[in-house]
Protein backbone atom coordinates (compact mmCIF):
# COMPACT_ATOMS: atom_id res chain seq x y z
CA MET A 1 0.04 -0.09 -0.09
CA LYS A 2 1.11 3.44 -0.94
CA ILE A 3 0.33 6.21 1.56
CA LEU A 4 0.49 9.90 0.46
CA ILE A 5 0.29 12.74 2.99
CA ALA A 6 -1.09 16.41 2.03
CA LYS A 7 1.68 18.89 2.11
CA THR A 8 -0.63 21.25 3.99
CA ALA A 9 -1.93 18.67 6.54
CA GLY A 10 -1.67 19.98 10.17
CA PHE A 11 -1.68 23.33 12.36
CA CYS A 12 -1.86 26.53 9.97
CA MET A 13 0.30 29.26 10.77
CA GLY A 14 -2.34 31.31 13.57
CA VAL A 15 -3.29 27.80 15.09
CA ARG A 16 0.44 26.96 15.45
CA ARG A 17 0.83 30.72 16.84
CA ALA A 18 -1.81 30.38 19.46
CA VAL A 19 -0.99 27.01 20.56
CA GLU A 20 2.55 28.10 21.29
CA MET A 21 1.56 30.85 22.99
CA VAL A 22 -0.43 29.09 25.60
CA LEU A 23 2.17 26.25 25.92
CA ASP A 24 4.73 29.30 26.66
CA ALA A 25 2.45 31.17 28.81
CA PRO A 26 3.12 29.42 32.12
CA GLY A 27 6.23 30.78 33.84
CA HIS A 28 5.98 34.00 32.07
CA HIS A 29 2.28 35.18 33.03
CA ALA A 30 0.45 35.61 35.94
CA THR A 31 -1.08 31.99 36.94
CA PRO A 32 -3.75 30.50 36.88
CA ILE A 33 -3.52 30.25 32.93
CA PHE A 34 -7.15 30.37 30.91
CA THR A 35 -8.26 30.63 27.40
CA TYR A 36 -11.04 32.11 26.59
CA GLY A 37 -13.45 29.56 24.86
CA PRO A 38 -11.74 26.53 23.40
CA LEU A 39 -8.49 27.54 22.10
CA ILE A 40 -9.08 25.75 18.93
CA HIS A 41 -11.33 22.86 17.46
CA ASN A 42 -9.35 19.93 18.59
CA PRO A 43 -10.45 17.93 21.48
CA GLN A 44 -7.02 16.33 22.19
CA VAL A 45 -5.34 19.77 22.21
CA LEU A 46 -7.86 20.68 24.50
CA ASP A 47 -7.23 17.45 26.80
CA LEU A 48 -3.50 18.20 26.77
CA LEU A 49 -4.00 22.31 27.97
CA ALA A 50 -6.47 20.73 30.64
CA GLU A 51 -3.59 18.11 31.74
CA LYS A 52 -1.50 21.27 32.19
CA GLY A 53 -3.66 23.24 34.10
CA ILE A 54 -4.94 25.33 31.21
CA ARG A 55 -8.73 25.23 31.16
CA ALA A 56 -11.42 27.15 28.87
CA LEU A 57 -13.10 29.82 30.60
CA ARG A 58 -16.97 29.73 29.23
CA ASP A 59 -18.32 32.91 30.90
CA ILE A 60 -16.88 35.74 32.18
CA PRO A 61 -17.24 36.45 35.98
CA GLU A 62 -17.63 39.84 37.73
CA LYS A 63 -13.91 39.32 39.37
CA GLY A 64 -11.09 37.09 38.24
CA ALA A 65 -7.46 36.83 38.34
CA GLY A 66 -4.68 35.20 36.35
CA THR A 67 -4.23 35.06 32.37
CA VAL A 68 -6.76 34.66 29.85
CA LEU A 69 -5.57 34.01 26.00
CA ILE A 70 -8.03 34.89 23.60
CA ARG A 71 -8.40 31.86 21.05
CA ALA A 72 -7.48 31.62 17.55
CA HIS A 73 -11.00 32.31 16.45
CA GLY A 74 -11.14 35.94 18.02
CA VAL A 75 -13.75 37.18 20.10
CA PRO A 76 -16.11 40.33 19.83
CA PRO A 77 -14.28 43.32 21.33
CA ASP A 78 -17.03 43.94 24.24
CA ALA A 79 -15.97 40.32 25.45
CA ARG A 80 -12.04 41.49 25.52
CA GLY A 81 -13.43 44.74 27.64
CA ARG A 82 -14.96 42.38 30.13
CA LEU A 83 -12.42 40.38 30.63
CA GLU A 84 -10.20 43.06 31.49
CA ALA A 85 -12.40 44.92 33.84
CA ALA A 86 -12.84 41.84 35.68
CA GLY A 87 -9.03 41.90 36.41
CA PHE A 88 -7.97 39.27 34.10
CA THR A 89 -4.51 39.80 32.04
CA VAL A 90 -5.21 39.38 28.23
CA ILE A 91 -3.27 37.66 25.92
CA ASP A 92 -4.47 38.23 22.09
CA ALA A 93 -3.91 34.86 20.39
CA THR A 94 -6.39 35.56 17.84
CA CYS A 95 -5.17 34.37 14.09
CA PRO A 96 -3.54 37.11 12.63
CA ARG A 97 -5.85 36.50 9.13
CA VAL A 98 -8.92 36.80 11.49
CA ILE A 99 -7.60 40.02 12.80
CA LYS A 100 -7.31 41.60 9.05
CA VAL A 101 -10.94 40.48 8.70
CA GLN A 102 -12.00 42.19 11.98
CA ARG A 103 -10.10 45.36 10.60
CA ILE A 104 -11.96 45.56 7.41
CA ILE A 105 -15.41 44.62 9.28
CA ALA A 106 -14.56 47.51 11.60
CA ARG A 107 -13.72 50.24 9.25
CA HIS A 108 -16.55 49.66 7.08
CA ALA A 109 -19.20 49.44 9.17
CA GLY A 110 -18.06 52.32 10.70
CA ASP A 111 -18.53 53.91 7.62
CA GLY A 112 -21.94 52.80 7.39
CA ASN A 113 -21.82 49.98 5.11
CA ALA A 114 -23.84 46.70 6.03
CA VAL A 115 -21.44 43.74 6.38
CA ILE A 116 -22.57 40.28 5.22
CA ILE A 117 -20.51 37.49 6.24
CA ILE A 118 -20.39 34.30 4.50
CA GLY A 119 -19.95 31.40 7.32
CA ASP A 120 -21.29 29.43 9.94
CA ARG A 121 -23.72 31.40 12.27
CA ASP A 122 -22.68 29.50 15.30
CA HIS A 123 -18.88 29.36 14.53
CA PRO A 124 -16.67 31.32 17.16
CA GLU A 125 -14.79 33.08 14.37
CA VAL A 126 -18.20 34.38 13.26
CA ILE A 127 -19.48 35.36 16.36
CA GLY A 128 -16.38 37.60 17.02
CA LEU A 129 -16.87 39.07 13.42
CA LEU A 130 -20.61 40.01 14.30
CA GLY A 131 -19.38 41.80 17.51
CA TYR A 132 -17.03 44.11 15.21
CA ALA A 133 -19.96 44.70 12.61
CA ARG A 134 -22.05 45.77 15.51
CA ASP A 135 -25.62 46.19 14.66
CA ARG A 136 -24.75 46.18 10.68
CA GLY A 137 -23.70 42.26 10.74
CA HIS A 138 -25.81 39.68 8.64
CA VAL A 139 -24.57 35.91 8.64
CA ALA A 140 -25.56 33.95 5.55
CA GLY A 141 -24.28 30.26 5.54
CA ASP A 142 -25.57 28.96 2.01
CA MET A 143 -26.99 30.82 -1.08
CA ALA A 144 -30.97 30.57 0.13
CA ALA A 145 -29.93 33.07 3.27
CA LEU A 146 -27.66 35.08 0.97
CA CYS A 147 -30.70 35.53 -1.57
CA ALA A 148 -33.21 36.22 1.20
CA LEU A 149 -31.18 39.15 2.71
CA PRO A 150 -32.61 42.96 1.93
CA ALA A 151 -31.33 44.70 -0.87
CA PHE A 152 -28.71 47.47 1.02
CA HIS A 153 -27.69 50.61 -0.45
CA ARG A 154 -23.97 49.72 0.65
CA ALA A 155 -22.31 46.74 1.43
CA ILE A 156 -19.29 44.41 1.79
CA ILE A 157 -18.95 40.71 1.72
CA VAL A 158 -16.22 38.73 3.76
CA ALA A 159 -15.87 34.94 4.14
CA GLN A 160 -15.13 33.16 7.30
CA THR A 161 -11.33 32.60 7.09
CA THR A 162 -11.74 29.02 6.68
CA GLN A 163 -14.74 28.80 4.36
CA ASN A 164 -15.46 26.54 1.23
CA THR A 165 -13.74 28.29 -1.65
CA GLY A 166 -15.99 26.88 -4.22
CA PHE A 167 -19.21 28.04 -2.29
CA TYR A 168 -17.76 31.57 -1.86
CA GLU A 169 -16.80 31.87 -5.70
CA GLN A 170 -20.58 31.51 -6.21
CA VAL A 171 -21.09 34.01 -3.63
CA ARG A 172 -18.73 36.50 -5.58
CA GLN A 173 -20.75 35.41 -8.93
CA TRP A 174 -23.93 36.39 -7.35
CA ALA A 175 -23.05 39.52 -5.90
CA ALA A 176 -21.90 40.28 -9.60
CA ALA A 177 -25.01 39.84 -11.19
CA HIS A 178 -27.53 40.98 -8.55
CA HIS A 179 -25.56 43.67 -6.55
CA PRO A 180 -22.42 44.99 -8.65
CA GLU A 181 -22.34 47.90 -5.56
CA TYR A 182 -21.39 45.33 -3.19
CA ARG A 183 -17.62 45.22 -2.16
CA VAL A 184 -16.48 41.57 -1.71
CA PHE A 185 -13.23 40.80 -0.07
CA ASP A 186 -10.96 38.13 -0.50
CA THR A 187 -10.86 36.74 3.30
CA ILE A 188 -10.63 33.02 3.08
CA CYS A 189 -6.87 32.22 4.41
CA ASP A 190 -4.43 31.03 1.71
CA SER A 191 -3.84 28.07 3.58
CA THR A 192 -7.65 27.20 3.47
CA GLU A 193 -7.29 27.54 -0.31
CA LYS A 194 -4.26 25.55 -0.62
CA ARG A 195 -5.59 22.90 2.00
CA GLN A 196 -8.97 22.71 -0.03
CA ALA A 197 -7.17 22.57 -3.68
CA GLU A 198 -4.78 19.95 -2.46
CA VAL A 199 -7.22 17.57 -1.09
CA GLN A 200 -9.05 17.54 -4.54
CA ARG A 201 -6.02 16.69 -6.22
CA LEU A 202 -5.23 14.13 -3.57
CA ALA A 203 -8.78 12.66 -4.08
CA GLY A 204 -8.19 12.22 -7.54
CA GLN A 205 -5.01 10.26 -7.02
CA VAL A 206 -5.75 7.75 -4.05
CA ASP A 207 -8.42 5.20 -3.67
CA ALA A 208 -9.53 6.14 0.09
CA LEU A 209 -9.06 9.07 1.81
CA VAL A 210 -8.52 9.71 5.66
CA VAL A 211 -9.12 13.13 7.27
CA VAL A 212 -7.84 14.15 10.49
CA GLY A 213 -9.15 16.62 12.85
CA GLY A 214 -12.01 17.33 15.25
CA LYS A 215 -15.62 16.54 14.33
CA ASN A 216 -16.85 20.16 15.16
CA SER A 217 -13.63 21.61 13.03
CA GLY A 218 -15.44 23.84 10.50
CA ASN A 219 -12.55 23.69 8.12
CA THR A 220 -11.88 19.79 8.46
CA GLN A 221 -15.24 18.95 7.66
CA ARG A 222 -15.02 20.79 4.10
CA LEU A 223 -11.92 18.60 3.31
CA ALA A 224 -14.07 15.66 4.06
CA GLU A 225 -16.74 17.15 1.98
CA ILE A 226 -14.42 17.96 -0.93
CA GLY A 227 -12.80 14.48 -1.00
CA ALA A 228 -16.47 12.71 -0.79
CA ALA A 229 -17.68 14.87 -3.42
CA ALA A 230 -14.65 13.38 -5.69
CA GLY A 231 -16.62 10.16 -5.51
CA LYS A 232 -13.73 8.48 -2.89
CA PRO A 233 -14.39 7.02 0.45
CA VAL A 234 -13.33 9.28 3.06
CA PHE A 235 -13.09 8.47 6.59
CA HIS A 236 -12.97 11.21 9.10
CA VAL A 237 -11.40 10.86 11.98
CA GLU A 238 -9.92 12.32 15.32
CA THR A 239 -7.26 9.73 16.17
CA GLU A 240 -6.04 6.75 14.93
CA LYS A 241 -8.19 4.37 17.10
CA GLU A 242 -11.19 5.23 14.86
CA LEU A 243 -9.38 3.30 12.41
CA ASP A 244 -9.89 0.10 14.00
CA ASP A 245 -13.80 -0.02 12.83
CA PRO A 246 -13.80 -3.26 10.94
CA ALA A 247 -15.61 -1.49 8.07
CA VAL A 248 -12.56 1.36 7.85
CA SER A 249 -10.36 -1.15 7.89
CA LYS A 250 -11.62 -3.29 5.16
CA THR A 251 -12.12 -0.40 2.80
CA LEU A 252 -8.68 0.77 3.71
CA ALA A 253 -6.97 -2.71 2.99
CA ALA A 254 -8.60 -2.73 -0.20
CA ALA A 255 -6.90 0.23 -1.04
CA ARG A 256 -3.61 0.39 -3.05
CA CYS A 257 -2.96 3.87 -2.40
CA VAL A 258 -4.59 5.86 0.85
CA GLY A 259 -4.17 9.81 1.23
CA ILE A 260 -4.13 11.27 4.24
CA THR A 261 -4.88 15.10 5.15
CA ALA A 262 -5.97 17.11 8.37
CA GLY A 263 -7.57 20.27 9.29
CA ALA A 264 -5.81 23.17 10.38
CA SER A 265 -6.29 22.62 13.86
CA THR A 266 -4.74 18.92 13.73
CA PRO A 267 -1.32 18.55 15.51
CA ASN A 268 1.50 16.56 13.59
CA TRP A 269 1.40 13.85 16.74
CA ILE A 270 -2.01 12.96 15.79
CA ILE A 271 -1.51 12.74 11.96
CA ARG A 272 2.04 10.65 12.93
CA ARG A 273 -0.49 8.50 15.00
CA VAL A 274 -2.89 8.03 11.81
CA PHE A 275 -0.08 7.54 9.46
CA ARG A 276 1.30 4.72 11.79
CA GLN A 277 -1.93 2.82 12.10
CA VAL A 278 -2.43 2.73 8.50
CA GLU A 279 1.05 1.89 8.09
CA THR A 280 1.37 -0.87 10.20
CA ALA A 281 -2.08 -2.60 9.49
CA PRO A 282 -2.54 -5.61 11.33
CA PRO A 283 -1.52 -8.90 9.53
CA ASP A 284 -4.78 -10.53 9.21
CA ILE A 285 -6.21 -7.73 7.30
CA ARG A 286 -3.24 -6.54 5.09
CA GLY A 287 -1.73 -10.17 4.58
CA TRP A 288 1.74 -11.56 5.24
CA GLY A 289 4.24 -11.64 2.59
CA ALA A 290 7.50 -11.09 1.95
CA ARG A 291 7.37 -6.86 2.18
CA ARG A 292 5.27 -7.52 5.07
CA ALA A 293 7.63 -9.47 6.88
CA LEU A 294 10.68 -7.09 6.09
CA PHE A 295 8.14 -4.32 7.44
CA ASN A 296 7.90 -5.94 10.51
CA LEU A 297 11.72 -6.89 10.96
CA GLN A 298 12.29 -3.30 10.57
CA ARG A 299 10.03 -2.19 13.08
CA THR A 300 11.07 -4.43 15.41
CA LEU A 301 14.85 -3.64 15.07
CA LEU A 302 14.19 0.21 15.30
CA LEU A 303 11.75 -0.17 18.73
CA THR A 304 14.71 -2.49 20.32
CA ASN A 305 17.33 0.21 19.11
CA ILE A 306 19.23 -3.27 17.51
CA TYR A 307 19.70 -1.11 14.31
CA VAL A 308 20.41 2.35 15.66
CA ALA A 309 23.06 0.06 17.78
CA LEU A 310 24.56 -1.63 14.60
CA GLY A 311 24.88 1.71 12.80
CA ALA A 312 27.04 2.93 15.69
CA GLY A 313 29.05 -0.29 15.24
CA SER A 314 29.07 0.00 11.58
CA LEU A 315 30.15 3.60 11.76
CA CYS A 316 32.94 2.66 14.63
CA TYR A 317 34.68 0.00 11.89
CA ALA A 318 34.68 2.93 9.11
CA CYS A 319 36.28 5.32 11.55
CA ALA A 320 38.99 2.66 12.59
CA MET A 321 39.53 1.68 8.85
CA LEU A 322 39.96 5.45 8.15
CA GLN A 323 42.46 5.72 11.06
CA GLY A 324 44.12 2.18 10.57
CA ILE A 325 43.19 0.62 13.51
CA PRO A 326 44.70 -3.05 13.07
CA ARG A 327 41.74 -5.20 15.17
CA PRO A 328 38.41 -2.67 15.20
CA GLY A 329 36.25 -5.58 16.03
CA PRO A 330 36.07 -5.16 20.06
CA TYR A 331 35.66 -1.56 19.43
CA MET A 332 32.65 -1.90 17.27
CA LEU A 333 31.41 -4.27 20.26
CA ILE A 334 32.12 -1.56 22.48
CA ALA A 335 30.25 1.09 20.52
CA ILE A 336 26.99 -1.32 19.86
CA LEU A 337 26.80 -2.21 23.47
CA TYR A 338 27.24 1.57 24.73
CA VAL A 339 24.73 3.18 22.35
CA MET A 340 21.62 0.38 22.84
CA SER A 341 22.64 0.88 26.42
CA MET A 342 22.00 4.71 26.53
CA HIS A 343 19.13 4.64 23.59
CA ILE A 344 17.25 1.92 25.72
CA LEU A 345 17.58 3.96 29.16
CA ASN A 346 17.05 7.33 27.61
CA HIS A 347 13.48 5.89 26.25
CA LEU A 348 12.86 4.25 29.21
CA THR A 349 13.47 7.65 31.30
CA GLY A 350 11.80 10.17 28.59
CA ARG A 351 8.87 8.08 27.36
CA GLU A 352 6.71 11.33 28.07
CA GLU A 353 7.69 12.90 24.63
CA ASP A 354 7.31 9.44 22.95
CA ARG A 355 3.68 9.86 24.16
CA TYR A 356 3.34 12.37 21.55
CA ASN A 357 6.48 11.65 19.23
CA ASP A 358 6.23 8.21 18.59
CA PRO A 359 3.32 6.52 20.48
CA ASP A 360 4.16 3.27 19.04
CA ARG A 361 7.32 3.28 20.61
CA CYS A 362 5.75 4.54 23.85
CA ARG A 363 3.27 1.63 23.65
CA PHE A 364 6.39 -1.01 23.07
CA TYR A 365 8.37 0.42 25.96
CA GLU A 366 5.34 0.36 28.48
CA ALA A 367 4.64 -3.28 27.52
CA TYR A 368 8.35 -4.62 27.49
CA LYS A 369 10.04 -2.22 29.79
CA LEU A 370 11.34 -4.65 32.22
CA PRO A 371 13.25 -6.98 29.72
CA LEU A 372 14.38 -3.92 27.88
CA ALA A 373 15.70 -2.19 31.29
CA CYS A 374 17.94 -5.52 31.63
CA MET A 375 19.00 -5.48 28.07
CA ALA A 376 20.31 -1.79 28.49
CA VAL A 377 21.93 -2.71 31.97
CA LEU A 378 23.43 -5.84 30.60
CA SER A 379 24.83 -4.16 27.36
CA GLY A 380 26.38 -1.21 29.50
CA ALA A 381 27.75 -3.42 31.81
CA ALA A 382 29.25 -5.75 29.27
CA GLY A 383 30.59 -2.64 27.47
CA LEU A 384 32.34 -1.51 30.51
CA LEU A 385 34.01 -4.73 31.34
CA MET A 386 35.41 -4.60 27.94
CA ALA A 387 36.76 -1.33 28.48
CA PHE A 388 38.10 -2.27 31.82
CA ALA A 389 39.91 -5.31 30.28
CA ALA A 390 41.64 -2.45 27.58
CA GLY A 391 42.89 -0.41 30.11
CA ARG A 392 42.32 2.28 32.49
CA LEU A 393 41.81 5.31 30.20
CA PRO A 394 39.45 3.31 27.95
CA PHE A 395 37.81 2.47 30.87
CA LEU A 396 37.35 5.84 32.32
CA ILE A 397 36.50 7.38 29.03
CA LEU A 398 33.47 5.08 28.27
CA LEU A 399 32.54 5.33 31.98
CA ALA A 400 32.23 9.04 32.03
CA MET A 401 30.33 8.81 28.94
CA SER A 402 28.08 6.59 30.57
CA LEU A 403 27.39 8.41 33.47
CA MET A 404 26.84 11.69 31.49
CA GLY A 405 24.07 9.54 29.36
CA LEU A 406 22.39 8.25 32.29
CA SER A 407 22.35 11.67 34.16
CA TYR A 408 20.68 12.91 30.84
CA ASN A 409 16.84 12.83 31.93
CA MET A 410 17.60 12.83 36.17
CA ARG A 411 17.28 16.00 37.90
CA ILE A 412 20.85 16.87 39.09
CA ILE A 413 20.41 20.53 40.02
CA PRO A 414 17.96 21.24 42.99
CA GLY A 415 14.85 23.40 42.43
CA PHE A 416 16.00 26.28 44.45
CA LEU A 417 19.59 26.79 42.81
CA ALA A 418 17.81 26.07 39.10
CA GLY A 419 15.02 28.56 39.59
CA GLY A 420 13.02 25.59 38.46
CA LYS A 421 14.03 26.10 34.85
CA VAL A 422 16.97 23.87 34.19
CA ARG A 423 17.43 21.01 36.42
CA ARG A 424 18.36 18.53 33.90
CA ILE A 425 21.00 17.97 31.05
CA ARG A 426 17.86 17.86 29.05
CA ASP A 427 16.69 21.09 29.74
CA LEU A 428 19.28 22.94 28.16
CA PRO A 429 18.46 24.07 24.60
CA GLY A 430 19.84 21.67 22.11
CA ALA A 431 21.47 19.62 24.61
CA LYS A 432 20.08 16.33 23.28
CA THR A 433 21.44 16.95 19.89
CA VAL A 434 24.87 17.90 20.69
CA LEU A 435 25.31 15.26 23.61
CA ILE A 436 24.11 12.68 21.26
CA ALA A 437 26.50 13.60 18.22
CA MET A 438 29.34 14.20 20.62
CA ALA A 439 29.27 10.81 22.31
CA TRP A 440 28.73 8.66 19.24
CA GLY A 441 31.75 10.59 18.17
CA VAL A 442 33.79 9.95 20.65
CA VAL A 443 32.74 6.45 20.88
CA THR A 444 32.93 5.66 17.19
CA ALA A 445 36.20 7.76 16.39
CA VAL A 446 38.19 8.69 19.37
CA TYR A 447 37.89 5.62 21.55
CA PRO A 448 39.63 3.34 19.08
CA PRO A 449 42.71 5.36 18.34
CA LEU A 450 42.95 6.12 22.38
CA SER A 451 42.60 2.61 22.84
CA THR A 452 45.06 1.31 20.75
CA TRP A 453 47.65 3.99 20.78
CA GLY A 454 46.78 6.10 23.69
CA ARG A 455 46.95 9.29 21.60
CA LEU A 456 44.58 10.77 18.73
CA GLU A 457 46.11 11.66 15.29
CA PRO A 458 45.46 14.66 12.91
CA THR A 459 43.38 12.39 10.96
CA GLY A 460 41.41 11.10 13.90
CA LEU A 461 40.25 14.76 14.41
CA LEU A 462 38.84 14.84 11.16
CA VAL A 463 37.25 11.42 11.43
CA PHE A 464 35.75 12.55 14.53
CA ALA A 465 34.60 15.58 12.93
CA ALA A 466 33.04 13.69 10.23
CA ALA A 467 31.31 11.22 12.26
CA THR A 468 29.89 13.57 14.79
CA GLY A 469 28.65 15.79 11.79
CA LEU A 470 26.91 13.26 10.27
CA VAL A 471 25.03 11.71 13.60
CA PHE A 472 24.19 15.29 14.33
CA ALA A 473 22.76 15.80 10.99
CA ARG A 474 20.62 12.50 11.95
CA THR A 475 19.64 13.31 15.50
CA ALA A 476 18.22 16.82 14.38
CA PHE A 477 16.85 15.97 11.34
CA PHE A 478 14.40 13.40 13.76
CA ASP A 479 14.13 16.42 16.12
CA THR A 480 12.27 18.38 13.61
CA LEU A 481 9.79 15.63 13.15
CA ASP A 482 9.43 15.68 16.83
CA MET A 483 8.91 19.41 17.37
CA GLN A 484 5.27 19.58 18.54
CA GLY A 485 5.39 16.80 21.23
CA ASP A 486 9.10 18.23 22.40
CA ARG A 487 7.58 21.72 22.96
CA ILE A 488 4.49 20.31 24.85
CA VAL A 489 7.22 18.39 27.13
CA GLY A 490 9.44 21.58 27.49
CA LYS A 491 12.35 20.20 25.76
CA GLY A 492 14.20 22.78 23.96
CA THR A 493 15.56 20.99 20.76
CA ILE A 494 17.49 22.97 17.88
CA PRO A 495 14.53 22.79 15.72
CA LEU A 496 12.63 24.59 18.24
CA LEU A 497 15.65 27.41 18.87
CA LEU A 498 16.07 27.94 14.78
CA GLY A 499 12.77 26.73 13.36
CA GLU A 500 12.23 23.95 11.38
CA ALA A 501 13.16 25.33 7.83
CA ALA A 502 16.52 26.80 9.18
CA THR A 503 17.22 23.56 10.79
CA LEU A 504 16.79 21.56 7.70
CA ARG A 505 18.97 23.94 6.06
CA LEU A 506 21.61 24.13 8.32
CA LEU A 507 21.69 20.35 8.31
CA GLN A 508 21.95 20.12 4.40
CA ARG A 509 24.97 22.30 4.61
CA ILE A 510 26.72 20.37 6.92
CA LEU A 511 26.23 17.02 5.25
CA LEU A 512 27.30 18.89 1.79
CA PHE A 513 30.28 20.06 3.88
CA ILE A 514 31.05 16.57 5.21
CA THR A 515 30.86 15.32 1.45
CA GLY A 516 33.08 17.71 0.19
CA ALA A 517 35.49 17.05 3.19
CA LEU A 518 35.51 13.10 2.44
CA ILE A 519 36.43 13.90 -1.36
CA ILE A 520 38.58 16.58 -1.02
CA ALA A 521 40.93 14.83 2.15
CA PRO A 522 42.25 12.05 0.34
CA LEU A 523 43.04 14.26 -2.62
CA ALA A 524 45.13 16.28 -0.24
CA GLY A 525 46.70 13.26 1.76
CA LEU A 526 44.54 13.84 4.65
CA LEU A 527 42.72 10.68 4.71
CA PRO A 528 43.14 7.10 2.76
CA PHE A 529 41.14 6.72 -0.22
CA LEU A 530 38.27 4.80 1.60
CA SER A 531 36.94 8.45 2.32
CA LEU A 532 35.76 8.76 -1.46
CA PRO A 533 33.25 5.62 -1.64
CA LEU A 534 32.54 6.61 2.15
CA ALA A 535 30.84 10.18 0.88
CA ALA A 536 28.03 8.09 -0.59
CA CYS A 537 26.45 8.16 3.48
CA PRO A 538 26.52 12.04 4.26
CA ALA A 539 25.45 12.25 0.35
CA GLY A 540 22.69 9.86 0.84
CA LEU A 541 21.20 11.18 3.95
CA PHE A 542 21.25 14.90 1.93
CA ILE A 543 18.91 13.31 -0.60
CA VAL A 544 17.11 11.88 2.07
CA LEU A 545 16.54 15.21 3.77
CA ARG A 546 15.50 16.96 0.69
CA ALA A 547 12.91 14.22 -0.32
CA HIS A 548 11.25 14.57 3.19
CA GLU A 549 11.35 18.21 3.05
CA ASN A 550 9.66 18.44 -0.51
CA ARG A 551 7.05 15.92 1.30
CA ARG A 552 8.10 13.02 -0.94
CA MET A 553 9.06 10.93 2.07
CA PRO A 554 6.70 11.13 4.93
CA PRO A 555 7.64 9.87 8.59
CA GLY A 556 7.30 6.73 9.80
CA ILE A 557 9.35 3.14 10.04
CA ARG A 558 10.46 3.24 6.11
CA LEU A 559 12.14 6.98 6.71
CA GLU A 560 13.56 6.30 10.06
CA PHE A 561 14.98 2.78 9.05
CA LEU A 562 16.17 4.30 5.80
CA VAL A 563 17.87 7.30 7.99
CA GLU A 564 19.57 4.71 10.11
CA SER A 565 20.77 2.41 7.31
CA HIS A 566 23.43 5.11 5.88
CA PHE A 567 25.34 4.60 8.92
CA VAL A 568 24.92 0.64 8.68
CA LEU A 569 26.25 1.25 4.90
CA ALA A 570 29.26 3.04 6.13
CA GLY A 571 30.55 -0.18 7.76
CA LEU A 572 29.50 -2.27 4.29
CA LEU A 573 31.36 0.03 2.30
CA ALA A 574 34.46 0.19 4.37
CA LEU A 575 34.20 -3.92 4.83
CA LEU A 576 34.12 -3.98 1.11
CA TRP A 577 37.07 -1.44 0.90
CA ARG A 578 38.94 -4.21 2.95
CA MET A 579 37.95 -7.23 1.14
CA THR A 580 39.11 -5.83 -2.17
CA GLY A 581 42.32 -4.65 -0.84
């Protein structure tokens, strides 16, 4: 089965801004924190905010305290005034596109124009817009309601920002034919237009369409309507659990290509859960076969971190070959054991973010936490014993790295000293990506020469830089996929600091630099000619990042396995080089 994810699926700019403002509010504004009405139309996000103590304020009390964030849909101006009069600190999280419509309405209503709003009368955005029209506002949800309105001497027509573009075009034609004196404004958000246009194209390419989002979300409902109008089976779901319905499963199982799109208020972690559910459909529905068996093997290797550890061992072998280490086998094994131990332990102690970023892994670790913990302890102990047998310096290096890895998720700074903000290593912005890259670089490129010769040659520094840069790109790329979940749990990753687009550009430049360095270094006599074929690893990872950026490669088991395979490829290339002399 082929799965296509719409490029426009997920949070629009206004929703992302509102959610980030609310998540950032605790610690920066007076508590308790409220939103005036539901922040967005997504029950999972609202449940998440409730878990964090941020609740929706339904009615405005006479007196209050704390901070209230105005929802993304906006509110009537008198509501904001009453909130401030009650004693709340008010933060406006209204979508900038909605604010633009509010200003258009306020200006022209003030000039005496009637205001016709094309939208759903009960929608929060429309209720807020009517407040700016004062007593001159009229709402039309369909052509019959529009035609029933009296003729106005002067009037403007605006649309709810998430209105159906096809319907609004009919309104425009009606106005031109019957009331050319009316001014019609283009107020449908460009994100909505692109989303609806894309779902039309997507419906023509797939056998079934899954639309993800709140059942009370107007823009999500319209996506489902557009897909259904194309004659394709459409399933509007809020979570992946709804795909377990036998009728849905049967339809999806028969489809050779499934499309997934999502409303503007649907978070990425929900979309990823739905994608994983479709991707990992039960074998009694999808059937066994060579491809199915391969997929299950990939999933198991990734969930257990065996494949990640194998990649570390392979990278260690390639680094050892570049530096002329005579017997790299023990160092490969130590790298495998160390990475497996650290990755398992950190997933066991950091399942909070996996709840959003990778629910499949979260469930796996919940189900098998005891055997996984034993696996992590035994592999870590075995690595330390091997290092101890190699000598004092190798043992001390690995011990220090192990202690650093173990302390990543632990609270090591008392709250009264840290002010409640930085109490763990993971609380430091970008710490995860940098530390993982450095740890891999040390255990794969620095540890072997120090253990063998007791020193690090200039060649080793180049190899360390290349290995660290490659792992940095890998880890930061995975962080871009986990941005929303990381923000929720308060993890300050590099993509959250720089932004997704800037991070991807940085990683691509790093990979191009490493590729160029591996090609030029042997020509300059700095590295053996093995580095020429090894340049395929950063070059291949660069291609994967570009493909994902262009939405040709959706996140999932196959993408993760492909990224990790570049490290296994490094070991295979080095082994082939050695075998051929």
